[in-house]
Full PDB file with SEQRES, HELIX, SHEET, SSBOND, CRYST1, ORIGX, SCALE, CONECT and MASTER records, all heavy atoms in Angstrom:
SEQRES   1 A   34  SER GLY ILE ALA ARG VAL VAL ASP GLY ASP THR LEU ASP          
SEQRES   2 A   34  LEU ALA GLY ARG CYS VAL ARG LEU GLU GLY ILE ASP ALA          
SEQRES   3 A   34  PRO GLU ALA GLY GLN LYS CYS PRO                              
SHEET    1 AA1 3 ALA A   4  ASP A   8  0                                        
SHEET    2 AA1 3 THR A  11  LEU A  14 -1                                        
SHEET    3 AA1 3 ARG A  17  ARG A  20 -1                                        
CRYST1    1.000    1.000    1.000  90.00  90.00  90.00 P 1           1          
ORIGX1      1.000000  0.000000  0.000000        0.00000                         
ORIGX2      0.000000  1.000000  0.000000        0.00000                         
ORIGX3      0.000000  0.000000  1.000000        0.00000                         
SCALE1      1.000000  0.000000  0.000000        0.00000                         
SCALE2      0.000000  1.000000  0.000000        0.00000                         
SCALE3      0.000000  0.000000  1.000000        0.00000                         
ATOM      1  N   SER A   1      88.359-124.649 190.879  1.00  0.00           N  
ATOM      2  CA  SER A   1      86.971-124.640 190.444  1.00  0.00           C  
ATOM      3  C   SER A   1      86.054-124.743 191.652  1.00  0.00           C  
ATOM      4  O   SER A   1      86.467-125.144 192.751  1.00  0.00           O  
ATOM      5  CB  SER A   1      86.689-125.785 189.473  1.00  0.00           C  
ATOM      6  OG  SER A   1      86.872-127.043 190.120  1.00  0.00           O  
ATOM      7  N   GLY A   2      84.800-124.352 191.449  1.00  0.00           N  
ATOM      8  CA  GLY A   2      83.818-124.402 192.511  1.00  0.00           C  
ATOM      9  C   GLY A   2      82.624-123.557 192.166  1.00  0.00           C  
ATOM     10  O   GLY A   2      82.544-122.975 191.069  1.00  0.00           O  
ATOM     11  N   ILE A   3      81.664-123.471 193.094  1.00  0.00           N  
ATOM     12  CA  ILE A   3      80.496-122.623 192.888  1.00  0.00           C  
ATOM     13  C   ILE A   3      80.904-121.168 193.095  1.00  0.00           C  
ATOM     14  O   ILE A   3      81.480-120.821 194.130  1.00  0.00           O  
ATOM     15  CB  ILE A   3      79.362-122.997 193.862  1.00  0.00           C  
ATOM     16  CG1 ILE A   3      78.936-124.448 193.621  1.00  0.00           C  
ATOM     17  CG2 ILE A   3      78.167-122.061 193.695  1.00  0.00           C  
ATOM     18  CD1 ILE A   3      78.393-124.714 192.236  1.00  0.00           C  
ATOM     19  N   ALA A   4      80.620-120.337 192.110  1.00  0.00           N  
ATOM     20  CA  ALA A   4      81.067-118.948 192.130  1.00  0.00           C  
ATOM     21  C   ALA A   4      79.980-118.037 192.695  1.00  0.00           C  
ATOM     22  O   ALA A   4      78.789-118.253 192.486  1.00  0.00           O  
ATOM     23  CB  ALA A   4      81.437-118.495 190.723  1.00  0.00           C  
ATOM     24  N   ARG A   5      80.434-117.002 193.415  1.00  0.00           N  
ATOM     25  CA  ARG A   5      79.551-115.948 193.893  1.00  0.00           C  
ATOM     26  C   ARG A   5      80.142-114.611 193.478  1.00  0.00           C  
ATOM     27  O   ARG A   5      81.346-114.392 193.590  1.00  0.00           O  
ATOM     28  CB  ARG A   5      79.416-116.009 195.411  1.00  0.00           C  
ATOM     29  CG  ARG A   5      78.463-114.979 196.003  1.00  0.00           C  
ATOM     30  CD  ARG A   5      78.418-115.065 197.507  1.00  0.00           C  
ATOM     31  NE  ARG A   5      79.685-114.744 198.126  1.00  0.00           N  
ATOM     32  CZ  ARG A   5      80.120-113.487 198.370  1.00  0.00           C  
ATOM     33  NH1 ARG A   5      79.376-112.462 198.016  1.00  0.00           N  
ATOM     34  NH2 ARG A   5      81.284-113.288 198.948  1.00  0.00           N  
ATOM     35  N   VAL A   6      79.285-113.708 192.996  1.00  0.00           N  
ATOM     36  CA  VAL A   6      79.763-112.423 192.497  1.00  0.00           C  
ATOM     37  C   VAL A   6      79.977-111.442 193.642  1.00  0.00           C  
ATOM     38  O   VAL A   6      79.114-111.300 194.519  1.00  0.00           O  
ATOM     39  CB  VAL A   6      78.761-111.835 191.475  1.00  0.00           C  
ATOM     40  CG1 VAL A   6      79.101-110.390 191.137  1.00  0.00           C  
ATOM     41  CG2 VAL A   6      78.754-112.678 190.222  1.00  0.00           C  
ATOM     42  N   VAL A   7      81.123-110.771 193.618  1.00  0.00           N  
ATOM     43  CA  VAL A   7      81.421-109.705 194.578  1.00  0.00           C  
ATOM     44  C   VAL A   7      81.092-108.356 193.947  1.00  0.00           C  
ATOM     45  O   VAL A   7      80.405-107.527 194.518  1.00  0.00           O  
ATOM     46  CB  VAL A   7      82.884-109.755 195.023  1.00  0.00           C  
ATOM     47  CG1 VAL A   7      83.223-108.585 195.964  1.00  0.00           C  
ATOM     48  CG2 VAL A   7      83.190-111.089 195.697  1.00  0.00           C  
ATOM     49  N   ASP A   8      81.598-108.134 192.739  1.00  0.00           N  
ATOM     50  CA  ASP A   8      81.266-106.946 191.945  1.00  0.00           C  
ATOM     51  C   ASP A   8      81.490-107.281 190.483  1.00  0.00           C  
ATOM     52  O   ASP A   8      81.598-108.463 190.136  1.00  0.00           O  
ATOM     53  CB  ASP A   8      82.063-105.710 192.402  1.00  0.00           C  
ATOM     54  CG  ASP A   8      83.572-105.910 192.331  1.00  0.00           C  
ATOM     55  OD1 ASP A   8      84.042-106.675 191.475  1.00  0.00           O  
ATOM     56  OD2 ASP A   8      84.302-105.289 193.130  1.00  0.00           O  
ATOM     57  N   GLY A   9      81.552-106.273 189.627  1.00  0.00           N  
ATOM     58  CA  GLY A   9      81.581-106.523 188.188  1.00  0.00           C  
ATOM     59  C   GLY A   9      82.831-107.150 187.646  1.00  0.00           C  
ATOM     60  O   GLY A   9      82.856-107.563 186.472  1.00  0.00           O  
ATOM     61  N   ASP A  10      83.878-107.254 188.437  1.00  0.00           N  
ATOM     62  CA  ASP A  10      85.096-107.932 187.966  1.00  0.00           C  
ATOM     63  C   ASP A  10      85.750-108.802 189.046  1.00  0.00           C  
ATOM     64  O   ASP A  10      86.929-109.132 188.947  1.00  0.00           O  
ATOM     65  CB  ASP A  10      86.115-106.926 187.407  1.00  0.00           C  
ATOM     66  CG  ASP A  10      86.396-105.767 188.360  1.00  0.00           C  
ATOM     67  OD1 ASP A  10      86.292-105.971 189.601  1.00  0.00           O  
ATOM     68  OD2 ASP A  10      86.711-104.662 187.884  1.00  0.00           O  
ATOM     69  N   THR A  11      84.960-109.181 190.059  1.00  0.00           N  
ATOM     70  CA  THR A  11      85.506-109.967 191.170  1.00  0.00           C  
ATOM     71  C   THR A  11      84.545-111.074 191.576  1.00  0.00           C  
ATOM     72  O   THR A  11      83.337-110.844 191.679  1.00  0.00           O  
ATOM     73  CB  THR A  11      85.775-109.074 192.398  1.00  0.00           C  
ATOM     74  OG1 THR A  11      86.523-107.925 191.992  1.00  0.00           O  
ATOM     75  CG2 THR A  11      86.570-109.828 193.444  1.00  0.00           C  
ATOM     76  N   LEU A  12      85.099-112.273 191.813  1.00  0.00           N  
ATOM     77  CA  LEU A  12      84.313-113.417 192.240  1.00  0.00           C  
ATOM     78  C   LEU A  12      84.831-113.951 193.572  1.00  0.00           C  
ATOM     79  O   LEU A  12      85.997-113.771 193.910  1.00  0.00           O  
ATOM     80  CB  LEU A  12      84.413-114.560 191.213  1.00  0.00           C  
ATOM     81  CG  LEU A  12      83.930-114.319 189.797  1.00  0.00           C  
ATOM     82  CD1 LEU A  12      84.244-115.543 188.934  1.00  0.00           C  
ATOM     83  CD2 LEU A  12      82.439-114.019 189.771  1.00  0.00           C  
ATOM     84  N   ASP A  13      83.937-114.613 194.279  1.00  0.00           N  
ATOM     85  CA  ASP A  13      84.334-115.460 195.401  1.00  0.00           C  
ATOM     86  C   ASP A  13      84.182-116.891 194.912  1.00  0.00           C  
ATOM     87  O   ASP A  13      83.093-117.315 194.542  1.00  0.00           O  
ATOM     88  CB  ASP A  13      83.436-115.204 196.608  1.00  0.00           C  
ATOM     89  CG  ASP A  13      83.818-116.068 197.805  1.00  0.00           C  
ATOM     90  OD1 ASP A  13      83.672-117.309 197.709  1.00  0.00           O  
ATOM     91  OD2 ASP A  13      84.243-115.527 198.829  1.00  0.00           O  
ATOM     92  N   LEU A  14      85.285-117.615 194.866  1.00  0.00           N  
ATOM     93  CA  LEU A  14      85.274-118.977 194.366  1.00  0.00           C  
ATOM     94  C   LEU A  14      85.852-119.906 195.415  1.00  0.00           C  
ATOM     95  O   LEU A  14      87.042-119.830 195.728  1.00  0.00           O  
ATOM     96  CB  LEU A  14      86.077-119.082 193.058  1.00  0.00           C  
ATOM     97  CG  LEU A  14      86.086-120.446 192.374  1.00  0.00           C  
ATOM     98  CD1 LEU A  14      84.690-120.819 191.898  1.00  0.00           C  
ATOM     99  CD2 LEU A  14      87.053-120.431 191.188  1.00  0.00           C  
ATOM    100  N   ALA A  15      85.007-120.744 195.971  1.00  0.00           N  
ATOM    101  CA  ALA A  15      85.439-121.681 197.007  1.00  0.00           C  
ATOM    102  C   ALA A  15      86.172-120.977 198.144  1.00  0.00           C  
ATOM    103  O   ALA A  15      87.183-121.456 198.658  1.00  0.00           O  
ATOM    104  CB  ALA A  15      86.317-122.770 196.390  1.00  0.00           C  
ATOM    105  N   GLY A  16      85.673-119.788 198.483  1.00  0.00           N  
ATOM    106  CA  GLY A  16      86.263-119.036 199.589  1.00  0.00           C  
ATOM    107  C   GLY A  16      87.473-118.201 199.236  1.00  0.00           C  
ATOM    108  O   GLY A  16      88.026-117.525 200.102  1.00  0.00           O  
ATOM    109  N   ARG A  17      87.872-118.203 197.971  1.00  0.00           N  
ATOM    110  CA  ARG A  17      88.996-117.382 197.531  1.00  0.00           C  
ATOM    111  C   ARG A  17      88.504-116.214 196.691  1.00  0.00           C  
ATOM    112  O   ARG A  17      87.590-116.362 195.877  1.00  0.00           O  
ATOM    113  CB  ARG A  17      89.980-118.220 196.682  1.00  0.00           C  
ATOM    114  CG  ARG A  17      90.742-119.262 197.446  1.00  0.00           C  
ATOM    115  CD  ARG A  17      91.613-118.676 198.550  1.00  0.00           C  
ATOM    116  NE  ARG A  17      92.531-117.644 198.063  1.00  0.00           N  
ATOM    117  CZ  ARG A  17      93.748-117.901 197.609  1.00  0.00           C  
ATOM    118  NH1 ARG A  17      94.201-119.145 197.545  1.00  0.00           N  
ATOM    119  NH2 ARG A  17      94.523-116.915 197.207  1.00  0.00           N  
ATOM    120  N   CYS A  18      89.108-115.057 196.895  1.00  0.00           N  
ATOM    121  CA  CYS A  18      88.758-113.871 196.117  1.00  0.00           C  
ATOM    122  C   CYS A  18      89.497-113.919 194.780  1.00  0.00           C  
ATOM    123  O   CYS A  18      90.723-114.059 194.749  1.00  0.00           O  
ATOM    124  CB  CYS A  18      89.128-112.609 196.883  1.00  0.00           C  
ATOM    125  SG  CYS A  18      88.562-111.090 196.104  1.00  0.00           S  
ATOM    126  N   VAL A  19      88.756-113.849 193.696  1.00  0.00           N  
ATOM    127  CA  VAL A  19      89.316-113.951 192.346  1.00  0.00           C  
ATOM    128  C   VAL A  19      89.017-112.666 191.585  1.00  0.00           C  
ATOM    129  O   VAL A  19      87.855-112.281 191.398  1.00  0.00           O  
ATOM    130  CB  VAL A  19      88.740-115.153 191.576  1.00  0.00           C  
ATOM    131  CG1 VAL A  19      89.310-115.203 190.164  1.00  0.00           C  
ATOM    132  CG2 VAL A  19      89.011-116.450 192.325  1.00  0.00           C  
ATOM    133  N   ARG A  20      90.066-111.980 191.123  1.00  0.00           N  
ATOM    134  CA  ARG A  20      89.934-110.781 190.293  1.00  0.00           C  
ATOM    135  C   ARG A  20      90.068-111.204 188.851  1.00  0.00           C  
ATOM    136  O   ARG A  20      91.048-111.847 188.466  1.00  0.00           O  
ATOM    137  CB  ARG A  20      91.030-109.783 190.671  1.00  0.00           C  
ATOM    138  CG  ARG A  20      91.062-108.507 189.859  1.00  0.00           C  
ATOM    139  CD  ARG A  20      89.884-107.623 190.173  1.00  0.00           C  
ATOM    140  NE  ARG A  20      90.118-106.247 189.776  1.00  0.00           N  
ATOM    141  CZ  ARG A  20      90.081-105.778 188.524  1.00  0.00           C  
ATOM    142  NH1 ARG A  20      89.813-106.611 187.523  1.00  0.00           N  
ATOM    143  NH2 ARG A  20      90.312-104.503 188.277  1.00  0.00           N  
ATOM    144  N   LEU A  21      89.063-110.906 188.027  1.00  0.00           N  
ATOM    145  CA  LEU A  21      89.088-111.313 186.627  1.00  0.00           C  
ATOM    146  C   LEU A  21      90.193-110.562 185.886  1.00  0.00           C  
ATOM    147  O   LEU A  21      90.219-109.330 185.857  1.00  0.00           O  
ATOM    148  CB  LEU A  21      87.729-111.059 185.975  1.00  0.00           C  
ATOM    149  CG  LEU A  21      86.550-111.810 186.586  1.00  0.00           C  
ATOM    150  CD1 LEU A  21      85.270-111.521 185.807  1.00  0.00           C  
ATOM    151  CD2 LEU A  21      86.805-113.320 186.631  1.00  0.00           C  
ATOM    152  N   GLU A  22      91.086-111.322 185.292  1.00  0.00           N  
ATOM    153  CA  GLU A  22      92.279-110.769 184.656  1.00  0.00           C  
ATOM    154  C   GLU A  22      91.924-109.955 183.422  1.00  0.00           C  
ATOM    155  O   GLU A  22      91.081-110.319 182.610  1.00  0.00           O  
ATOM    156  CB  GLU A  22      93.208-111.922 184.257  1.00  0.00           C  
ATOM    157  CG  GLU A  22      94.570-111.498 183.749  1.00  0.00           C  
ATOM    158  CD  GLU A  22      94.600-111.291 182.247  1.00  0.00           C  
ATOM    159  OE1 GLU A  22      93.739-111.860 181.551  1.00  0.00           O  
ATOM    160  OE2 GLU A  22      95.487-110.552 181.786  1.00  0.00           O  
ATOM    161  N   GLY A  23      92.567-108.777 183.289  1.00  0.00           N  
ATOM    162  CA  GLY A  23      92.504-108.010 182.053  1.00  0.00           C  
ATOM    163  C   GLY A  23      91.296-107.107 181.884  1.00  0.00           C  
ATOM    164  O   GLY A  23      91.166-106.454 180.847  1.00  0.00           O  
ATOM    165  N   ILE A  24      90.386-107.042 182.866  1.00  0.00           N  
ATOM    166  CA  ILE A  24      89.204-106.209 182.706  1.00  0.00           C  
ATOM    167  C   ILE A  24      89.053-105.284 183.915  1.00  0.00           C  
ATOM    168  O   ILE A  24      89.597-105.539 184.989  1.00  0.00           O  
ATOM    169  CB  ILE A  24      87.917-107.033 182.500  1.00  0.00           C  
ATOM    170  CG1 ILE A  24      87.484-107.740 183.802  1.00  0.00           C  
ATOM    171  CG2 ILE A  24      88.109-108.051 181.374  1.00  0.00           C  
ATOM    172  CD1 ILE A  24      86.146-108.450 183.659  1.00  0.00           C  
ATOM    173  N   ASP A  25      88.306-104.185 183.723  1.00  0.00           N  
ATOM    174  CA  ASP A  25      88.120-103.210 184.793  1.00  0.00           C  
ATOM    175  C   ASP A  25      86.699-102.678 184.719  1.00  0.00           C  
ATOM    176  O   ASP A  25      86.372-101.843 183.867  1.00  0.00           O  
ATOM    177  CB  ASP A  25      89.127-102.073 184.643  1.00  0.00           C  
ATOM    178  CG  ASP A  25      89.113-101.123 185.826  1.00  0.00           C  
ATOM    179  OD1 ASP A  25      88.854-101.594 186.951  1.00  0.00           O  
ATOM    180  OD2 ASP A  25      89.362 -99.924 185.634  1.00  0.00           O  
ATOM    181  N   ALA A  26      85.827-103.172 185.594  1.00  0.00           N  
ATOM    182  CA  ALA A  26      84.422-102.772 185.606  1.00  0.00           C  
ATOM    183  C   ALA A  26      84.223-101.545 186.493  1.00  0.00           C  
ATOM    184  O   ALA A  26      85.015-101.297 187.408  1.00  0.00           O  
ATOM    185  CB  ALA A  26      83.553-103.928 186.119  1.00  0.00           C  
ATOM    186  N   PRO A  27      83.145-100.774 186.251  1.00  0.00           N  
ATOM    187  CA  PRO A  27      82.812 -99.689 187.175  1.00  0.00           C  
ATOM    188  C   PRO A  27      82.597-100.243 188.579  1.00  0.00           C  
ATOM    189  O   PRO A  27      82.157-101.382 188.747  1.00  0.00           O  
ATOM    190  CB  PRO A  27      81.503 -99.132 186.601  1.00  0.00           C  
ATOM    191  CG  PRO A  27      81.477 -99.566 185.180  1.00  0.00           C  
ATOM    192  CD  PRO A  27      82.194-100.880 185.136  1.00  0.00           C  
ATOM    193  N   GLU A  28      82.901 -99.426 189.590  1.00  0.00           N  
ATOM    194  CA  GLU A  28      82.678 -99.840 190.972  1.00  0.00           C  
ATOM    195  C   GLU A  28      81.199-100.070 191.217  1.00  0.00           C  
ATOM    196  O   GLU A  28      80.345 -99.503 190.531  1.00  0.00           O  
ATOM    197  CB  GLU A  28      83.218 -98.787 191.937  1.00  0.00           C  
ATOM    198  CG  GLU A  28      84.720 -98.552 191.852  1.00  0.00           C  
ATOM    199  CD  GLU A  28      85.527 -99.769 192.256  1.00  0.00           C  
ATOM    200  OE1 GLU A  28      85.019-100.589 193.039  1.00  0.00           O  
ATOM    201  OE2 GLU A  28      86.670 -99.914 191.795  1.00  0.00           O  
ATOM    202  N   ALA A  29      80.881-100.890 192.213  1.00  0.00           N  
ATOM    203  CA  ALA A  29      79.495-101.316 192.447  1.00  0.00           C  
ATOM    204  C   ALA A  29      78.530-100.152 192.601  1.00  0.00           C  
ATOM    205  O   ALA A  29      77.401-100.201 192.126  1.00  0.00           O  
ATOM    206  CB  ALA A  29      79.435-102.220 193.675  1.00  0.00           C  
ATOM    207  N   GLY A  30      78.960 -99.057 193.242  1.00  0.00           N  
ATOM    208  CA  GLY A  30      78.074 -97.915 193.445  1.00  0.00           C  
ATOM    209  C   GLY A  30      78.179 -96.842 192.388  1.00  0.00           C  
ATOM    210  O   GLY A  30      77.541 -95.792 192.504  1.00  0.00           O  
ATOM    211  N   GLN A  31      78.962 -97.106 191.335  1.00  0.00           N  
ATOM    212  CA  GLN A  31      79.233 -96.078 190.328  1.00  0.00           C  
ATOM    213  C   GLN A  31      78.030 -95.815 189.433  1.00  0.00           C  
ATOM    214  O   GLN A  31      77.325 -96.738 189.031  1.00  0.00           O  
ATOM    215  CB  GLN A  31      80.414 -96.506 189.461  1.00  0.00           C  
ATOM    216  CG  GLN A  31      80.770 -95.533 188.350  1.00  0.00           C  
ATOM    217  CD  GLN A  31      81.362 -94.262 188.917  1.00  0.00           C  
ATOM    218  OE1 GLN A  31      82.275 -94.317 189.721  1.00  0.00           O  
ATOM    219  NE2 GLN A  31      80.859 -93.137 188.492  1.00  0.00           N  
ATOM    220  N   LYS A  32      77.789 -94.538 189.117  1.00  0.00           N  
ATOM    221  CA  LYS A  32      76.806 -94.155 188.119  1.00  0.00           C  
ATOM    222  C   LYS A  32      77.532 -93.600 186.895  1.00  0.00           C  
ATOM    223  O   LYS A  32      78.561 -92.940 187.024  1.00  0.00           O  
ATOM    224  CB  LYS A  32      75.862 -93.092 188.668  1.00  0.00           C  
ATOM    225  CG  LYS A  32      74.939 -93.578 189.778  1.00  0.00           C  
ATOM    226  CD  LYS A  32      73.993 -92.474 190.202  1.00  0.00           C  
ATOM    227  CE  LYS A  32      73.052 -92.949 191.294  1.00  0.00           C  
ATOM    228  NZ  LYS A  32      72.120 -91.873 191.714  1.00  0.00           N  
ATOM    229  N   CYS A  33      76.987 -93.866 185.707  1.00  0.00           N  
ATOM    230  CA  CYS A  33      77.528 -93.319 184.478  1.00  0.00           C  
ATOM    231  C   CYS A  33      76.468 -92.397 183.849  1.00  0.00           C  
ATOM    232  O   CYS A  33      75.288 -92.750 183.832  1.00  0.00           O  
ATOM    233  CB  CYS A  33      77.882 -94.424 183.481  1.00  0.00           C  
ATOM    234  SG  CYS A  33      79.262 -95.460 184.004  1.00  0.00           S  
ATOM    235  N   PRO A  34      76.865 -91.244 183.355  1.00  0.00           N  
ATOM    236  CA  PRO A  34      75.893 -90.363 182.718  1.00  0.00           C  
ATOM    237  C   PRO A  34      75.645 -90.762 181.278  1.00  0.00           C  
ATOM    238  O   PRO A  34      76.428 -91.482 180.672  1.00  0.00           O  
ATOM    239  CB  PRO A  34      76.578 -88.996 182.792  1.00  0.00           C  
ATOM    240  CG  PRO A  34      78.024 -89.326 182.740  1.00  0.00           C  
ATOM    241  CD  PRO A  34      78.194 -90.660 183.444  1.00  0.00           C  
TER     242      PRO A  34                                                      
MASTER        0    0    0    0    3    0    0    6  241    1    0    3          
END                                                                             
């Protein structure tokens, strides 16, 4: 546990560790959808 910082739509930085949210897949940060 710790203060979370967002990296992208499915990834966090938590206490200096990179955390990938299990079971989900968000569009990439620069992605556009029509």
